[in-house]
C-alpha atoms as a PDB file:
ATOM      1  CA  MET A   1      67.880  62.706  13.587  1.00  0.00           C
ATOM      2  CA  ASN A   2      64.607  61.109  14.738  1.00  0.00           C
ATOM      3  CA  ALA A   3      64.369  58.830  11.765  1.00  0.00           C
ATOM      4  CA  SER A   4      60.989  57.212  12.425  1.00  0.00           C
ATOM      5  CA  SER A   5      59.276  60.594  12.843  1.00  0.00           C
ATOM      6  CA  LEU A   6      60.975  61.812   9.659  1.00  0.00           C
ATOM      7  CA  VAL A   7      59.421  58.949   7.735  1.00  0.00           C
ATOM      8  CA  ASP A   8      56.023  60.120   8.930  1.00  0.00           C
ATOM      9  CA  LYS A   9      56.831  63.521   7.426  1.00  0.00           C
ATOM     10  CA  ASN A  10      57.735  62.295   3.944  1.00  0.00           C
ATOM     11  CA  LEU A  11      61.422  61.651   4.483  1.00  0.00           C
ATOM     12  CA  VAL A  12      63.651  62.393   1.475  1.00  0.00           C
ATOM     13  CA  LEU A  13      66.627  60.018   1.380  1.00  0.00           C
ATOM     14  CA  LEU A  14      68.884  61.863  -1.066  1.00  0.00           C
ATOM     15  CA  GLY A  15      71.179  64.140   0.887  1.00  0.00           C
ATOM     16  CA  LEU A  16      71.342  61.956   4.012  1.00  0.00           C
ATOM     17  CA  SER A  17      74.737  60.656   5.118  1.00  0.00           C
ATOM     18  CA  GLU A  18      75.706  57.028   5.572  1.00  0.00           C
ATOM     19  CA  SER A  19      75.396  57.280   9.351  1.00  0.00           C
ATOM     20  CA  GLU A  20      71.971  58.926   9.078  1.00  0.00           C
ATOM     21  CA  LEU A  21      70.753  56.140   6.804  1.00  0.00           C
ATOM     22  CA  GLU A  22      72.102  53.536   9.219  1.00  0.00           C
ATOM     23  CA  GLU A  23      70.224  55.275  12.033  1.00  0.00           C
ATOM     24  CA  LEU A  24      67.076  55.267   9.904  1.00  0.00           C
ATOM     25  CA  ALA A  25      67.345  51.541   9.287  1.00  0.00           C
ATOM     26  CA  ILE A  26      67.914  50.732  12.973  1.00  0.00           C
ATOM     27  CA  SER A  27      65.025  52.942  14.108  1.00  0.00           C
ATOM     28  CA  LEU A  28      62.716  50.984  11.795  1.00  0.00           C
ATOM     29  CA  GLY A  29      63.802  47.605  13.106  1.00  0.00           C
ATOM     30  CA  GLN A  30      66.346  46.792  10.395  1.00  0.00           C
ATOM     31  CA  PRO A  31      70.081  46.070  10.745  1.00  0.00           C
ATOM     32  CA  ALA A  32      72.468  48.981  10.108  1.00  0.00           C
ATOM     33  CA  PHE A  33      73.767  47.442   6.881  1.00  0.00           C
ATOM     34  CA  ARG A  34      70.381  48.127   5.274  1.00  0.00           C
ATOM     35  CA  GLY A  35      71.170  51.814   5.629  1.00  0.00           C
ATOM     36  CA  ARG A  36      74.527  51.262   3.968  1.00  0.00           C
ATOM     37  CA  GLN A  37      72.795  49.479   1.112  1.00  0.00           C
ATOM     38  CA  ILE A  38      70.492  52.446   0.567  1.00  0.00           C
ATOM     39  CA  TYR A  39      73.525  54.733   0.703  1.00  0.00           C
ATOM     40  CA  ASP A  40      75.297  52.801  -2.083  1.00  0.00           C
ATOM     41  CA  TRP A  41      72.238  52.800  -4.306  1.00  0.00           C
ATOM     42  CA  LEU A  42      71.645  56.518  -3.792  1.00  0.00           C
ATOM     43  CA  TYR A  43      75.125  57.811  -4.485  1.00  0.00           C
ATOM     44  CA  LYS A  44      76.805  55.127  -6.598  1.00  0.00           C
ATOM     45  CA  LYS A  45      73.901  53.811  -8.661  1.00  0.00           C
ATOM     46  CA  GLY A  46      71.775  56.960  -8.743  1.00  0.00           C
ATOM     47  CA  VAL A  47      68.541  55.113  -8.037  1.00  0.00           C
ATOM     48  CA  LYS A  48      65.351  57.133  -8.561  1.00  0.00           C
ATOM     49  CA  GLU A  49      62.688  55.112  -6.743  1.00  0.00           C
ATOM     50  CA  ILE A  50      62.728  53.184  -3.471  1.00  0.00           C
ATOM     51  CA  ASP A  51      61.146  50.188  -5.192  1.00  0.00           C
ATOM     52  CA  SER A  52      64.182  50.032  -7.506  1.00  0.00           C
ATOM     53  CA  ILE A  53      66.535  49.330  -4.563  1.00  0.00           C
ATOM     54  CA  THR A  54      66.112  45.626  -5.157  1.00  0.00           C
ATOM     55  CA  VAL A  55      68.749  44.646  -2.604  1.00  0.00           C
ATOM     56  CA  LEU A  56      66.250  45.614   0.113  1.00  0.00           C
ATOM     57  CA  PRO A  57      63.502  43.181   1.134  1.00  0.00           C
ATOM     58  CA  LYS A  58      60.368  43.827  -0.879  1.00  0.00           C
ATOM     59  CA  THR A  59      58.236  44.128   2.247  1.00  0.00           C
ATOM     60  CA  TRP A  60      60.498  46.813   3.704  1.00  0.00           C
ATOM     61  CA  ARG A  61      60.549  48.746   0.445  1.00  0.00           C
ATOM     62  CA  ALA A  62      56.760  48.737   0.499  1.00  0.00           C
ATOM     63  CA  TYR A  63      56.757  49.804   4.152  1.00  0.00           C
ATOM     64  CA  LEU A  64      59.049  52.775   3.461  1.00  0.00           C
ATOM     65  CA  GLN A  65      56.849  53.943   0.613  1.00  0.00           C
ATOM     66  CA  GLN A  66      53.679  53.525   2.660  1.00  0.00           C
ATOM     67  CA  ARG A  67      55.163  55.703   5.370  1.00  0.00           C
ATOM     68  CA  GLY A  68      55.945  58.437   2.820  1.00  0.00           C
ATOM     69  CA  ALA A  69      59.684  57.953   2.286  1.00  0.00           C
ATOM     70  CA  LYS A  70      61.046  58.798  -1.165  1.00  0.00           C
ATOM     71  CA  VAL A  71      64.408  59.034  -2.912  1.00  0.00           C
ATOM     72  CA  GLY A  72      63.995  62.688  -3.908  1.00  0.00           C
ATOM     73  CA  ARG A  73      65.251  62.663  -7.497  1.00  0.00           C
ATOM     74  CA  LEU A  74      64.127  65.183 -10.108  1.00  0.00           C
ATOM     75  CA  LYS A  75      62.739  64.533 -13.593  1.00  0.00           C
ATOM     76  CA  GLU A  76      64.675  65.559 -16.690  1.00  0.00           C
ATOM     77  CA  VAL A  77      62.404  67.861 -18.696  1.00  0.00           C
ATOM     78  CA  ARG A  78      64.773  68.993 -21.426  1.00  0.00           C
ATOM     79  CA  ARG A  79      68.400  68.619 -22.474  1.00  0.00           C
ATOM     80  CA  LEU A  80      70.482  70.899 -24.699  1.00  0.00           C
ATOM     81  CA  VAL A  81      73.959  69.904 -25.866  1.00  0.00           C
ATOM     82  CA  ALA A  82      76.185  72.607 -27.356  1.00  0.00           C
ATOM     83  CA  LEU A  83      78.827  72.104 -30.019  1.00  0.00           C
ATOM     84  CA  ASP A  84      81.516  72.120 -27.325  1.00  0.00           C
ATOM     85  CA  GLN A  85      79.555  69.376 -25.483  1.00  0.00           C
ATOM     86  CA  THR A  86      78.443  71.710 -22.701  1.00  0.00           C
ATOM     87  CA  THR A  87      75.202  70.107 -21.532  1.00  0.00           C
ATOM     88  CA  LYS A  88      72.342  72.106 -20.027  1.00  0.00           C
ATOM     89  CA  LEU A  89      69.565  70.246 -18.223  1.00  0.00           C
ATOM     90  CA  LEU A  90      66.124  71.480 -17.259  1.00  0.00           C
ATOM     91  CA  LEU A  91      64.941  69.430 -14.284  1.00  0.00           C
ATOM     92  CA  GLY A  92      61.374  69.276 -12.993  1.00  0.00           C
ATOM     93  CA  THR A  93      60.483  69.393  -9.301  1.00  0.00           C
ATOM     94  CA  GLU A  94      57.546  67.723  -7.561  1.00  0.00           C
ATOM     95  CA  ASP A  95      55.678  71.020  -7.271  1.00  0.00           C
ATOM     96  CA  GLY A  96      55.853  71.691 -11.010  1.00  0.00           C
ATOM     97  CA  GLU A  97      58.788  74.116 -11.043  1.00  0.00           C
ATOM     98  CA  ASN A  98      61.939  73.811 -13.178  1.00  0.00           C
ATOM     99  CA  ILE A  99      65.644  73.998 -12.306  1.00  0.00           C
ATOM    100  CA  GLU A 100      68.605  74.607 -14.599  1.00  0.00           C
ATOM    101  CA  THR A 101      71.945  72.876 -14.193  1.00  0.00           C
ATOM    102  CA  VAL A 102      74.893  72.698 -16.592  1.00  0.00           C
ATOM    103  CA  GLY A 103      77.734  70.253 -17.187  1.00  0.00           C
ATOM    104  CA  ILE A 104      80.836  71.986 -18.575  1.00  0.00           C
ATOM    105  CA  PRO A 105      83.421  69.501 -19.848  1.00  0.00           C
ATOM    106  CA  THR A 106      87.077  69.825 -20.729  1.00  0.00           C
ATOM    107  CA  GLU A 107      89.581  67.077 -21.403  1.00  0.00           C
ATOM    108  CA  HIS A 108      90.540  66.644 -17.759  1.00  0.00           C
ATOM    109  CA  ARG A 109      87.553  67.912 -15.779  1.00  0.00           C
ATOM    110  CA  LEU A 110      83.783  68.135 -15.668  1.00  0.00           C
ATOM    111  CA  THR A 111      82.370  71.145 -13.845  1.00  0.00           C
ATOM    112  CA  VAL A 112      78.729  71.189 -12.777  1.00  0.00           C
ATOM    113  CA  CYS A 113      77.082  74.602 -12.480  1.00  0.00           C
ATOM    114  CA  ILE A 114      74.529  74.260  -9.688  1.00  0.00           C
ATOM    115  CA  SER A 115      71.377  76.273  -8.933  1.00  0.00           C
ATOM    116  CA  SER A 116      70.448  77.070  -5.328  1.00  0.00           C
ATOM    117  CA  GLN A 117      67.024  78.635  -5.896  1.00  0.00           C
ATOM    118  CA  ILE A 118      64.173  78.626  -8.403  1.00  0.00           C
ATOM    119  CA  GLY A 119      64.460  82.097  -9.849  1.00  0.00           C
ATOM    120  CA  CYS A 120      66.228  84.881  -7.989  1.00  0.00           C
ATOM    121  CA  SER A 121      65.282  87.997  -6.037  1.00  0.00           C
ATOM    122  CA  MET A 122      68.486  89.958  -6.648  1.00  0.00           C
ATOM    123  CA  GLY A 123      67.419  91.418 -10.005  1.00  0.00           C
ATOM    124  CA  CYS A 124      70.862  91.753 -11.623  1.00  0.00           C
ATOM    125  CA  ARG A 125      70.189  93.376 -14.990  1.00  0.00           C
ATOM    126  CA  PHE A 126      72.518  91.159 -17.019  1.00  0.00           C
ATOM    127  CA  CYS A 127      71.013  87.897 -15.681  1.00  0.00           C
ATOM    128  CA  ALA A 128      68.023  86.075 -17.197  1.00  0.00           C
ATOM    129  CA  THR A 129      67.226  84.242 -13.951  1.00  0.00           C
ATOM    130  CA  GLY A 130      66.104  87.287 -12.011  1.00  0.00           C
ATOM    131  CA  LYS A 131      63.712  88.515 -14.714  1.00  0.00           C
ATOM    132  CA  GLY A 132      60.970  86.234 -13.403  1.00  0.00           C
ATOM    133  CA  GLY A 133      61.590  86.858  -9.707  1.00  0.00           C
ATOM    134  CA  LEU A 134      62.049  84.264  -6.978  1.00  0.00           C
ATOM    135  CA  GLN A 135      59.731  81.279  -6.594  1.00  0.00           C
ATOM    136  CA  ARG A 136      61.475  79.473  -3.716  1.00  0.00           C
ATOM    137  CA  SER A 137      64.746  78.072  -2.425  1.00  0.00           C
ATOM    138  CA  LEU A 138      65.842  74.554  -3.269  1.00  0.00           C
ATOM    139  CA  THR A 139      66.025  71.706  -0.789  1.00  0.00           C
ATOM    140  CA  THR A 140      69.217  69.741  -0.212  1.00  0.00           C
ATOM    141  CA  ASN A 141      68.082  66.817  -2.347  1.00  0.00           C
ATOM    142  CA  GLU A 142      67.159  69.151  -5.226  1.00  0.00           C
ATOM    143  CA  ILE A 143      70.663  70.612  -5.135  1.00  0.00           C
ATOM    144  CA  VAL A 144      72.398  67.228  -4.875  1.00  0.00           C
ATOM    145  CA  ASP A 145      70.280  65.770  -7.665  1.00  0.00           C
ATOM    146  CA  GLN A 146      71.685  68.282 -10.139  1.00  0.00           C
ATOM    147  CA  LEU A 147      75.160  66.792  -9.857  1.00  0.00           C
ATOM    148  CA  ILE A 148      73.883  63.220 -10.147  1.00  0.00           C
ATOM    149  CA  SER A 149      71.707  64.150 -13.141  1.00  0.00           C
ATOM    150  CA  VAL A 150      74.684  65.679 -14.965  1.00  0.00           C
ATOM    151  CA  ARG A 151      76.754  62.589 -14.126  1.00  0.00           C
ATOM    152  CA  GLU A 152      74.069  60.410 -15.703  1.00  0.00           C
ATOM    153  CA  ALA A 153      73.456  62.637 -18.734  1.00  0.00           C
ATOM    154  CA  MET A 154      77.133  62.939 -19.603  1.00  0.00           C
ATOM    155  CA  ASP A 155      78.170  59.467 -18.397  1.00  0.00           C
ATOM    156  CA  ARG A 156      81.136  60.972 -16.648  1.00  0.00           C
ATOM    157  CA  ARG A 157      82.101  61.663 -13.053  1.00  0.00           C
ATOM    158  CA  PRO A 158      82.003  65.385 -12.175  1.00  0.00           C
ATOM    159  CA  SER A 159      85.218  66.805 -10.757  1.00  0.00           C
ATOM    160  CA  HIS A 160      84.204  70.369  -9.818  1.00  0.00           C
ATOM    161  CA  VAL A 161      81.086  72.168  -8.594  1.00  0.00           C
ATOM    162  CA  VAL A 162      80.244  75.860  -8.915  1.00  0.00           C
ATOM    163  CA  PHE A 163      77.177  77.419  -7.296  1.00  0.00           C
ATOM    164  CA  MET A 164      76.775  79.874 -10.157  1.00  0.00           C
ATOM    165  CA  GLY A 165      73.414  78.785 -11.510  1.00  0.00           C
ATOM    166  CA  MET A 166      69.984  80.133 -10.656  1.00  0.00           C
ATOM    167  CA  GLY A 167      69.554  81.920  -7.334  1.00  0.00           C
ATOM    168  CA  GLU A 168      71.571  83.557  -4.571  1.00  0.00           C
ATOM    169  CA  PRO A 169      73.300  80.852  -2.472  1.00  0.00           C
ATOM    170  CA  LEU A 170      73.585  83.057   0.630  1.00  0.00           C
ATOM    171  CA  LEU A 171      69.778  83.247   0.788  1.00  0.00           C
ATOM    172  CA  ASN A 172      69.692  79.456   1.051  1.00  0.00           C
ATOM    173  CA  PHE A 173      72.954  78.762   2.865  1.00  0.00           C
ATOM    174  CA  GLU A 174      71.639  75.971   5.146  1.00  0.00           C
ATOM    175  CA  ALA A 175      70.731  73.772   2.168  1.00  0.00           C
ATOM    176  CA  VAL A 176      73.850  74.857   0.248  1.00  0.00           C
ATOM    177  CA  LEU A 177      76.166  73.858   3.105  1.00  0.00           C
ATOM    178  CA  SER A 178      74.293  70.578   3.538  1.00  0.00           C
ATOM    179  CA  ALA A 179      74.747  69.878  -0.177  1.00  0.00           C
ATOM    180  CA  ILE A 180      78.451  70.738   0.020  1.00  0.00           C
ATOM    181  CA  ARG A 181      78.810  68.202   2.836  1.00  0.00           C
ATOM    182  CA  CYS A 182      77.106  65.617   0.617  1.00  0.00           C
ATOM    183  CA  PHE A 183      79.235  66.466  -2.437  1.00  0.00           C
ATOM    184  CA  ASN A 184      82.357  66.161  -0.311  1.00  0.00           C
ATOM    185  CA  ASN A 185      81.622  63.118   1.856  1.00  0.00           C
ATOM    186  CA  ASP A 186      79.188  61.116  -0.259  1.00  0.00           C
ATOM    187  CA  LEU A 187      80.058  61.955  -3.869  1.00  0.00           C
ATOM    188  CA  GLY A 188      83.823  62.352  -3.476  1.00  0.00           C
ATOM    189  CA  ILE A 189      84.299  65.971  -4.541  1.00  0.00           C
ATOM    190  CA  SER A 190      86.898  67.841  -2.515  1.00  0.00           C
ATOM    191  CA  GLN A 191      85.813  71.108  -0.943  1.00  0.00           C
ATOM    192  CA  ARG A 192      88.727  72.740  -2.755  1.00  0.00           C
ATOM    193  CA  ARG A 193      86.928  71.947  -6.014  1.00  0.00           C
ATOM    194  CA  ILE A 194      83.693  73.640  -4.943  1.00  0.00           C
ATOM    195  CA  THR A 195      82.942  77.341  -5.481  1.00  0.00           C
ATOM    196  CA  VAL A 196      80.055  79.307  -3.951  1.00  0.00           C
ATOM    197  CA  SER A 197      79.203  82.510  -5.825  1.00  0.00           C
ATOM    198  CA  THR A 198      77.306  85.422  -4.262  1.00  0.00           C
ATOM    199  CA  VAL A 199      76.355  88.905  -5.373  1.00  0.00           C
ATOM    200  CA  GLY A 200      76.511  89.918  -1.720  1.00  0.00           C
ATOM    201  CA  ILE A 201      73.995  89.895   1.135  1.00  0.00           C
ATOM    202  CA  PRO A 202      74.587  92.555   3.812  1.00  0.00           C
ATOM    203  CA  HIS A 203      76.683  91.225   6.685  1.00  0.00           C
ATOM    204  CA  ALA A 204      76.086  87.590   5.702  1.00  0.00           C
ATOM    205  CA  LEU A 205      79.666  86.565   4.896  1.00  0.00           C
ATOM    206  CA  PRO A 206      81.049  86.387   8.462  1.00  0.00           C
ATOM    207  CA  GLY A 207      77.971  84.362   9.468  1.00  0.00           C
ATOM    208  CA  LEU A 208      78.476  82.045   6.497  1.00  0.00           C
ATOM    209  CA  ALA A 209      82.087  81.449   7.548  1.00  0.00           C
ATOM    210  CA  LYS A 210      81.119  80.538  11.110  1.00  0.00           C
ATOM    211  CA  LEU A 211      78.219  78.326  10.045  1.00  0.00           C
ATOM    212  CA  ALA A 212      80.384  76.578   7.460  1.00  0.00           C
ATOM    213  CA  LEU A 213      82.893  75.728  10.175  1.00  0.00           C
ATOM    214  CA  GLN A 214      80.070  74.241  12.252  1.00  0.00           C
ATOM    215  CA  HIS A 215      78.571  72.236   9.372  1.00  0.00           C
ATOM    216  CA  LEU A 216      81.737  71.166   7.573  1.00  0.00           C
ATOM    217  CA  GLY A 217      84.432  71.228  10.249  1.00  0.00           C
ATOM    218  CA  ARG A 218      86.674  73.323   8.027  1.00  0.00           C
ATOM    219  CA  VAL A 219      86.110  75.804   5.225  1.00  0.00           C
ATOM    220  CA  GLN A 220      87.995  74.929   2.071  1.00  0.00           C
ATOM    221  CA  PHE A 221      85.523  75.799  -0.668  1.00  0.00           C
ATOM    222  CA  THR A 222      86.130  78.963  -2.681  1.00  0.00           C
ATOM    223  CA  LEU A 223      83.961  82.026  -2.122  1.00  0.00           C
ATOM    224  CA  ALA A 224      83.344  83.966  -5.346  1.00  0.00           C
ATOM    225  CA  VAL A 225      81.941  87.471  -4.908  1.00  0.00           C
ATOM    226  CA  SER A 226      80.221  88.993  -7.942  1.00  0.00           C
ATOM    227  CA  LEU A 227      81.491  92.580  -8.206  1.00  0.00           C
ATOM    228  CA  HIS A 228      80.822  93.362 -11.890  1.00  0.00           C
ATOM    229  CA  ALA A 229      81.676  97.030 -11.316  1.00  0.00           C
ATOM    230  CA  PRO A 230      84.687  98.894  -9.917  1.00  0.00           C
ATOM    231  CA  ASN A 231      82.683 101.581  -8.115  1.00  0.00           C
ATOM    232  CA  GLN A 232      79.420 102.025  -6.227  1.00  0.00           C
ATOM    233  CA  GLU A 233      77.654 104.153  -8.832  1.00  0.00           C
ATOM    234  CA  LEU A 234      78.086 101.668 -11.672  1.00  0.00           C
ATOM    235  CA  ARG A 235      77.386  98.688  -9.418  1.00  0.00           C
ATOM    236  CA  GLU A 236      74.004 100.157  -8.481  1.00  0.00           C
ATOM    237  CA  VAL A 237      73.141 100.389 -12.190  1.00  0.00           C
ATOM    238  CA  LEU A 238      73.854  96.699 -12.711  1.00  0.00           C
ATOM    239  CA  ILE A 239      72.824  95.255  -9.339  1.00  0.00           C
ATOM    240  CA  PRO A 240      69.786  96.967  -7.737  1.00  0.00           C
ATOM    241  CA  THR A 241      70.460  95.469  -4.278  1.00  0.00           C
ATOM    242  CA  ALA A 242      73.834  97.243  -4.208  1.00  0.00           C
ATOM    243  CA  LYS A 243      71.985 100.399  -3.133  1.00  0.00           C
ATOM    244  CA  SER A 244      71.572  98.910   0.346  1.00  0.00           C
ATOM    245  CA  TYR A 245      75.023  97.289   0.439  1.00  0.00           C
ATOM    246  CA  PRO A 246      77.833  99.710  -0.479  1.00  0.00           C
ATOM    247  CA  ILE A 247      80.776  98.149  -2.221  1.00  0.00           C
ATOM    248  CA  HIS A 248      83.233  99.097   0.540  1.00  0.00           C
ATOM    249  CA  SER A 249      80.992  97.420   3.146  1.00  0.00           C
ATOM    250  CA  LEU A 250      80.979  94.317   0.974  1.00  0.00           C
ATOM    251  CA  LEU A 251      84.782  94.329   0.819  1.00  0.00           C
ATOM    252  CA  GLN A 252      84.986  94.814   4.582  1.00  0.00           C
ATOM    253  CA  ASP A 253      82.827  91.697   5.030  1.00  0.00           C
ATOM    254  CA  CYS A 254      85.101  89.852   2.608  1.00  0.00           C
ATOM    255  CA  ARG A 255      88.106  90.715   4.768  1.00  0.00           C
ATOM    256  CA  HIS A 256      86.225  89.488   7.843  1.00  0.00           C
ATOM    257  CA  TYR A 257      85.414  86.253   6.003  1.00  0.00           C
ATOM    258  CA  PHE A 258      89.092  85.814   5.142  1.00  0.00           C
ATOM    259  CA  SER A 259      90.128  86.416   8.760  1.00  0.00           C
ATOM    260  CA  ILE A 260      87.835  83.570   9.875  1.00  0.00           C
ATOM    261  CA  THR A 261      88.551  81.045   7.121  1.00  0.00           C
ATOM    262  CA  GLY A 262      92.024  81.930   5.810  1.00  0.00           C
ATOM    263  CA  ARG A 263      90.643  81.363   2.287  1.00  0.00           C
ATOM    264  CA  ARG A 264      91.320  83.974  -0.377  1.00  0.00           C
ATOM    265  CA  ILE A 265      88.346  85.552  -2.115  1.00  0.00           C
ATOM    266  CA  SER A 266      87.610  85.177  -5.811  1.00  0.00           C
ATOM    267  CA  PHE A 267      85.990  88.221  -7.445  1.00  0.00           C
ATOM    268  CA  GLU A 268      83.763  87.709 -10.490  1.00  0.00           C
ATOM    269  CA  TYR A 269      83.603  90.520 -13.038  1.00  0.00           C
ATOM    270  CA  ILE A 270      81.285  90.288 -16.060  1.00  0.00           C
ATOM    271  CA  LEU A 271      82.577  92.525 -18.834  1.00  0.00           C
ATOM    272  CA  LEU A 272      79.802  94.456 -20.587  1.00  0.00           C
ATOM    273  CA  GLY A 273      80.853  96.123 -23.812  1.00  0.00           C
ATOM    274  CA  GLU A 274      81.331  99.916 -23.523  1.00  0.00           C
ATOM    275  CA  LEU A 275      79.835  99.931 -20.010  1.00  0.00           C
ATOM    276  CA  ASN A 276      82.331  98.503 -17.486  1.00  0.00           C
ATOM    277  CA  ASP A 277      85.157  97.300 -19.728  1.00  0.00           C
ATOM    278  CA  ARG A 278      87.200 100.467 -20.225  1.00  0.00           C
ATOM    279  CA  LEU A 279      90.795 100.835 -19.121  1.00  0.00           C
ATOM    280  CA  GLU A 280      89.761 103.360 -16.478  1.00  0.00           C
ATOM    281  CA  HIS A 281      87.464 100.702 -15.022  1.00  0.00           C
ATOM    282  CA  ALA A 282      90.355  98.248 -14.892  1.00  0.00           C
ATOM    283  CA  GLU A 283      92.434 100.805 -12.993  1.00  0.00           C
ATOM    284  CA  GLN A 284      89.580 101.420 -10.540  1.00  0.00           C
ATOM    285  CA  LEU A 285      89.152  97.676 -10.018  1.00  0.00           C
ATOM    286  CA  ALA A 286      92.868  97.307  -9.318  1.00  0.00           C
ATOM    287  CA  ASP A 287      92.598 100.083  -6.715  1.00  0.00           C
ATOM    288  CA  LEU A 288      89.590  98.367  -5.153  1.00  0.00           C
ATOM    289  CA  VAL A 289      91.077  94.883  -4.718  1.00  0.00           C
ATOM    290  CA  GLY A 290      94.756  95.808  -4.475  1.00  0.00           C
ATOM    291  CA  GLY A 291      96.473  94.303  -1.450  1.00  0.00           C
ATOM    292  CA  PHE A 292      93.586  91.877  -1.026  1.00  0.00           C
ATOM    293  CA  GLN A 293      94.073  88.108  -0.764  1.00  0.00           C
ATOM    294  CA  SER A 294      92.056  87.578  -3.914  1.00  0.00           C
ATOM    295  CA  HIS A 295      91.779  86.502  -7.513  1.00  0.00           C
ATOM    296  CA  VAL A 296      89.734  88.192 -10.254  1.00  0.00           C
ATOM    297  CA  ASN A 297      87.814  86.115 -12.805  1.00  0.00           C
ATOM    298  CA  LEU A 298      86.870  88.051 -15.951  1.00  0.00           C
ATOM    299  CA  ILE A 299      83.765  86.799 -17.771  1.00  0.00           C
ATOM    300  CA  ALA A 300      82.447  88.017 -21.112  1.00  0.00           C
ATOM    301  CA  TYR A 301      78.745  88.885 -21.060  1.00  0.00           C
ATOM    302  CA  ASN A 302      76.346  86.277 -22.482  1.00  0.00           C
ATOM    303  CA  PRO A 303      73.521  88.202 -24.248  1.00  0.00           C
ATOM    304  CA  ILE A 304      69.893  87.835 -23.117  1.00  0.00           C
ATOM    305  CA  GLN A 305      66.801  89.080 -24.959  1.00  0.00           C
ATOM    306  CA  GLU A 306      65.615  91.387 -22.176  1.00  0.00           C
ATOM    307  CA  GLU A 307      68.705  93.631 -22.182  1.00  0.00           C
ATOM    308  CA  GLN A 308      70.724  95.453 -24.847  1.00  0.00           C
ATOM    309  CA  PHE A 309      74.156  95.026 -23.266  1.00  0.00           C
ATOM    310  CA  GLN A 310      76.948  94.184 -25.682  1.00  0.00           C
ATOM    311  CA  ARG A 311      79.483  91.402 -25.530  1.00  0.00           C
ATOM    312  CA  PRO A 312      83.022  92.888 -25.368  1.00  0.00           C
ATOM    313  CA  THR A 313      85.627  92.133 -28.003  1.00  0.00           C
ATOM    314  CA  LEU A 314      88.456  89.750 -27.222  1.00  0.00           C
ATOM    315  CA  ARG A 315      90.915  92.645 -27.706  1.00  0.00           C
ATOM    316  CA  THR A 316      89.070  94.703 -25.077  1.00  0.00           C
ATOM    317  CA  ILE A 317      89.100  91.770 -22.648  1.00  0.00           C
ATOM    318  CA  ARG A 318      92.842  91.238 -23.084  1.00  0.00           C
ATOM    319  CA  ARG A 319      93.595  94.940 -22.566  1.00  0.00           C
ATOM    320  CA  PHE A 320      91.486  94.974 -19.402  1.00  0.00           C
ATOM    321  CA  GLN A 321      93.278  91.857 -18.160  1.00  0.00           C
ATOM    322  CA  HIS A 322      96.684  93.360 -18.930  1.00  0.00           C
ATOM    323  CA  VAL A 323      95.972  96.434 -16.785  1.00  0.00           C
ATOM    324  CA  LEU A 324      95.121  94.229 -13.803  1.00  0.00           C
ATOM    325  CA  GLU A 325      98.209  92.075 -14.317  1.00  0.00           C
ATOM    326  CA  ARG A 326     100.402  95.170 -14.575  1.00  0.00           C
ATOM    327  CA  ARG A 327      98.957  96.370 -11.270  1.00  0.00           C
ATOM    328  CA  GLY A 328      99.817  93.060  -9.589  1.00  0.00           C
ATOM    329  CA  VAL A 329      96.275  91.669  -9.421  1.00  0.00           C
ATOM    330  CA  ALA A 330      95.903  87.898  -9.886  1.00  0.00           C
ATOM    331  CA  VAL A 331      93.484  87.609 -12.808  1.00  0.00           C
ATOM    332  CA  SER A 332      92.195  85.095 -15.334  1.00  0.00           C
ATOM    333  CA  PHE A 333      89.704  85.179 -18.191  1.00  0.00           C
ATOM    334  CA  ARG A 334      87.024  82.512 -18.212  1.00  0.00           C
ATOM    335  CA  PRO A 335      85.782  81.889 -21.772  1.00  0.00           C
ATOM    336  CA  SER A 336      82.054  81.326 -22.206  1.00  0.00           C
ATOM    337  CA  ARG A 337      80.838  77.809 -22.967  1.00  0.00           C
ATOM    338  CA  GLY A 338      77.726  76.607 -24.759  1.00  0.00           C
ATOM    339  CA  LEU A 339      77.059  79.897 -26.553  1.00  0.00           C
ATOM    340  CA  ASP A 340      75.032  78.149 -29.250  1.00  0.00           C
ATOM    341  CA  GLN A 341      72.639  76.683 -26.674  1.00  0.00           C
ATOM    342  CA  SER A 342      71.254  79.378 -24.339  1.00  0.00           C
ATOM    343  CA  ALA A 343      74.464  79.966 -22.422  1.00  0.00           C
ATOM    344  CA  ALA A 344      73.250  82.647 -20.030  1.00  0.00           C
ATOM    345  CA  CYS A 345      71.957  81.499 -16.657  1.00  0.00           C
ATOM    346  CA  GLY A 346      68.165  81.133 -16.577  1.00  0.00           C
ATOM    347  CA  GLN A 347      67.630  81.291 -20.345  1.00  0.00           C
ATOM    348  CA  LEU A 348      66.553  77.681 -20.835  1.00  0.00           C
ATOM    349  CA  ARG A 349      64.020  77.871 -18.008  1.00  0.00           C
ATOM    350  CA  ARG A 350      62.505  81.104 -19.355  1.00  0.00           C
ATOM    351  CA  GLN A 351      62.392  79.769 -22.907  1.00  0.00           C
ATOM    352  CA  TYR A 352      60.624  76.609 -21.734  1.00  0.00           C
ATOM    353  CA  ALA A 353      58.125  78.619 -19.695  1.00  0.00           C
ATOM    354  CA  ASN A 354      57.262  80.704 -22.775  1.00  0.00           C
ATOM    355  CA  THR A 355      56.569  77.699 -25.029  1.00  0.00           C
END
């Protein structure tokens, strides 16, 4: 990193490692420990402005700001807290856009649902995010900030991260991998507690595996592939991009990913009442993933205004799950959280935009 030139180009501090911050300090004529001080204030104290890092000399703080350096935090625009304490934040960016992130608490863990883009280009019919299209991808600091903002809002240290918010992570994998490195090394979240969810980008998974090895040294995060249908015909109805990426090609790429990383694949399956939740669909899904090093996560549909899909009954979900278990498929049902406060991904952002 050429730190001094980065300052000239409006350097964002959040997302930089301890060694990078030390290098920055040295390049600007300061001792290395100044970089370590910035590091502590970024990741432990959650500072929002350079001038608030009072441990630094006032003259150097002023110098950094004059040269265009900034922390890179986002502004909380709105907060919704559900009855189960699930907390959804709407965060504002410098260019006037908004990002959703969600803190999902249980007694022993706090999971942060992270967005990787503003909007989404994939157009999945059951998802509110894609209804407004894609504005842009997020930068590393905008991704990292979501975790810190949830930590502050809920006054609790996050334990898990899922890239299941707005956007398609594989269309922004450089920033996503950089953020994973930061979550792991700088914010103390093990890779094994991080999940990256994708609806599938043609031939991207093997490349992701190789790049992750380069960026992270080893690949231990979980890859979650959004299937949502047990056959190509139904998948095309739900996910328009599936027309150019047949389901069997997707599974072939998943096997290639597994051969590179040794990590089993998690398959996400949103159950839509009377559409993809029948017993015949469960049998087809078992045929599709049978013999695969995988795990299936069943998710009940969260209704959005733009679509008339139905939420399945609990009895239907359990019957579907039983078929998979009987067929030897590792499966779990993930209950929805925050249903009383715009649970579906992208809803809060769209509601705010319409006010």
